[in-house]
């Protein structure tokens, strides 16, 4: 039985190949993600990952771990707080903070890097039967 306070997480190292595959899938070819020379001219000084790439790790936690298979997104809020670079290890963490009605779960959804710095902060509303 799912309860308030339950948490789940997963971690992944961001690679150049991940960024390139995500660019192809999402059609987001922003040079800040794909062109190192261009990225050097930006505030980041190096290529950065697409925010939606590592934010999607939250979806993986929800679908695979908590609340688990069969979960359906009703809502997701997300704030991108810090850039993520190639080689960063991102951990997506999900916590049930409320069960507003049967089969509906309000979650805190966050991603941290290898330095435990918050890179994504958000909340989700999930339906799971």
Protein backbone atom coordinates (compact mmCIF):
# COMPACT_ATOMS: atom_id res chain seq x y z
CA UNK A 1 0.00 0.00 0.00
CA UNK A 2 1.32 3.43 -0.97
CA UNK A 3 1.73 5.96 1.86
CA UNK A 4 2.71 9.57 2.43
CA UNK A 5 6.46 9.75 3.02
CA UNK A 6 7.44 6.95 0.66
CA UNK A 7 10.41 7.82 -1.58
CA UNK A 8 12.12 6.32 -4.60
CA UNK A 9 15.04 7.37 -6.77
CA UNK A 10 17.32 6.49 -9.65
CA UNK A 11 20.62 7.85 -10.90
CA UNK A 12 22.28 8.23 -14.29
CA UNK A 13 25.48 9.80 -15.61
CA UNK A 14 24.78 12.25 -18.46
CA UNK A 15 26.82 11.43 -21.57
CA UNK A 16 27.37 13.21 -24.85
CA UNK A 17 25.57 10.31 -26.56
CA UNK A 18 22.53 10.85 -24.28
CA UNK A 19 22.37 14.51 -25.31
CA UNK A 20 22.74 13.70 -29.00
CA UNK A 21 20.03 11.00 -28.86
CA UNK A 22 17.70 13.32 -26.97
CA UNK A 23 18.31 16.08 -29.52
CA UNK A 24 17.31 13.69 -32.31
CA UNK A 25 14.20 12.49 -30.48
CA UNK A 26 13.06 15.90 -29.26
CA UNK A 27 14.16 17.81 -32.39
CA UNK A 28 15.80 20.36 -30.06
CA UNK A 29 19.04 21.14 -31.87
CA UNK A 30 20.02 24.15 -29.77
CA UNK A 31 23.80 24.52 -30.23
CA UNK A 32 24.29 25.02 -26.48
CA UNK A 33 23.60 21.28 -26.24
CA UNK A 34 25.44 20.06 -29.33
CA UNK A 35 28.27 22.44 -30.30
CA UNK A 36 31.15 22.81 -27.82
CA UNK A 37 32.61 25.84 -29.60
CA UNK A 38 29.27 27.63 -29.51
CA UNK A 39 28.66 26.59 -25.89
CA UNK A 40 32.00 28.16 -24.87
CA UNK A 41 30.53 31.56 -25.84
CA UNK A 42 27.54 31.15 -23.48
CA UNK A 43 27.14 31.68 -19.75
CA UNK A 44 27.70 27.93 -19.29
CA UNK A 45 31.16 27.86 -20.99
CA UNK A 46 30.53 24.23 -22.01
CA UNK A 47 27.80 22.07 -23.50
CA UNK A 48 24.82 21.50 -21.22
CA UNK A 49 22.17 18.83 -21.20
CA UNK A 50 18.62 19.52 -22.28
CA UNK A 51 16.64 20.19 -19.11
CA UNK A 52 13.86 17.94 -20.27
CA UNK A 53 16.34 15.07 -20.66
CA UNK A 54 17.19 14.85 -16.97
CA UNK A 55 13.72 15.97 -15.90
CA UNK A 56 12.46 12.88 -17.72
CA UNK A 57 14.28 10.74 -15.14
CA UNK A 58 11.47 11.77 -12.80
CA UNK A 59 9.04 10.05 -15.15
CA UNK A 60 11.18 6.90 -15.01
CA UNK A 61 11.02 6.85 -11.20
CA UNK A 62 7.24 7.37 -11.28
CA UNK A 63 6.64 4.69 -13.94
CA UNK A 64 9.05 2.08 -12.62
CA UNK A 65 9.19 2.58 -8.87
CA UNK A 66 6.76 4.99 -7.18
CA UNK A 67 3.83 4.89 -7.55
CA UNK A 68 4.96 2.32 -10.17
CA UNK A 69 3.76 0.59 -13.35
CA UNK A 70 0.45 1.92 -14.63
CA UNK A 71 1.04 5.43 -13.29
CA UNK A 72 -0.53 8.20 -15.35
CA UNK A 73 0.63 11.81 -15.23
CA UNK A 74 -2.12 14.33 -14.52
CA UNK A 75 0.21 17.27 -13.90
CA UNK A 76 3.92 18.08 -13.63
CA UNK A 77 5.47 21.37 -12.53
CA UNK A 78 9.20 21.77 -12.99
CA UNK A 79 11.77 24.48 -12.28
CA UNK A 80 15.28 24.23 -13.70
CA UNK A 81 17.68 25.61 -11.09
CA UNK A 82 21.20 24.73 -12.28
CA UNK A 83 22.76 23.54 -15.53
CA UNK A 84 23.72 19.90 -16.00
CA UNK A 85 26.93 19.10 -17.84
CA UNK A 86 28.30 16.03 -19.58
CA UNK A 87 29.67 13.71 -16.90
CA UNK A 88 27.29 14.89 -14.16
CA UNK A 89 25.47 12.17 -12.23
CA UNK A 90 21.82 13.09 -11.83
CA UNK A 91 19.60 11.46 -9.22
CA UNK A 92 15.85 11.84 -9.62
CA UNK A 93 13.94 11.62 -6.33
CA UNK A 94 10.18 11.28 -5.93
CA UNK A 95 8.29 11.45 -2.64
CA UNK A 96 4.58 11.00 -1.93
CA UNK A 97 3.47 14.06 0.02
CA UNK A 98 -0.32 13.73 -0.21
CA UNK A 99 -3.01 11.29 -1.27
CA UNK A 100 -5.82 13.75 -2.05
CA UNK A 101 -8.21 10.99 -3.08
CA UNK A 102 -8.14 7.28 -3.79
CA UNK A 103 -5.62 6.34 -6.49
CA UNK A 104 -4.31 9.92 -6.77
CA UNK A 105 -0.89 10.93 -5.46
CA UNK A 106 0.74 14.34 -5.08
CA UNK A 107 4.52 14.04 -5.34
CA UNK A 108 7.55 16.21 -4.75
CA UNK A 109 9.82 15.63 -7.77
CA UNK A 110 13.45 16.67 -7.67
CA UNK A 111 16.78 16.03 -9.33
CA UNK A 112 20.16 16.55 -7.68
CA UNK A 113 23.65 16.33 -9.11
CA UNK A 114 26.66 14.44 -7.73
CA UNK A 115 27.31 17.34 -5.32
CA UNK A 116 23.76 17.01 -3.94
CA UNK A 117 22.88 20.37 -5.52
CA UNK A 118 19.23 20.73 -6.53
CA UNK A 119 19.06 21.07 -10.32
CA UNK A 120 15.31 20.47 -10.73
CA UNK A 121 12.53 21.15 -8.28
CA UNK A 122 8.92 20.31 -8.94
CA UNK A 123 5.71 18.58 -8.09
CA UNK A 124 3.48 16.07 -9.84
CA UNK A 125 -0.04 14.74 -9.60
CA UNK A 126 -0.31 11.07 -10.54
CA UNK A 127 -3.20 8.67 -11.05
CA UNK A 128 -2.54 4.98 -10.40
CA UNK A 129 -5.16 2.26 -10.15
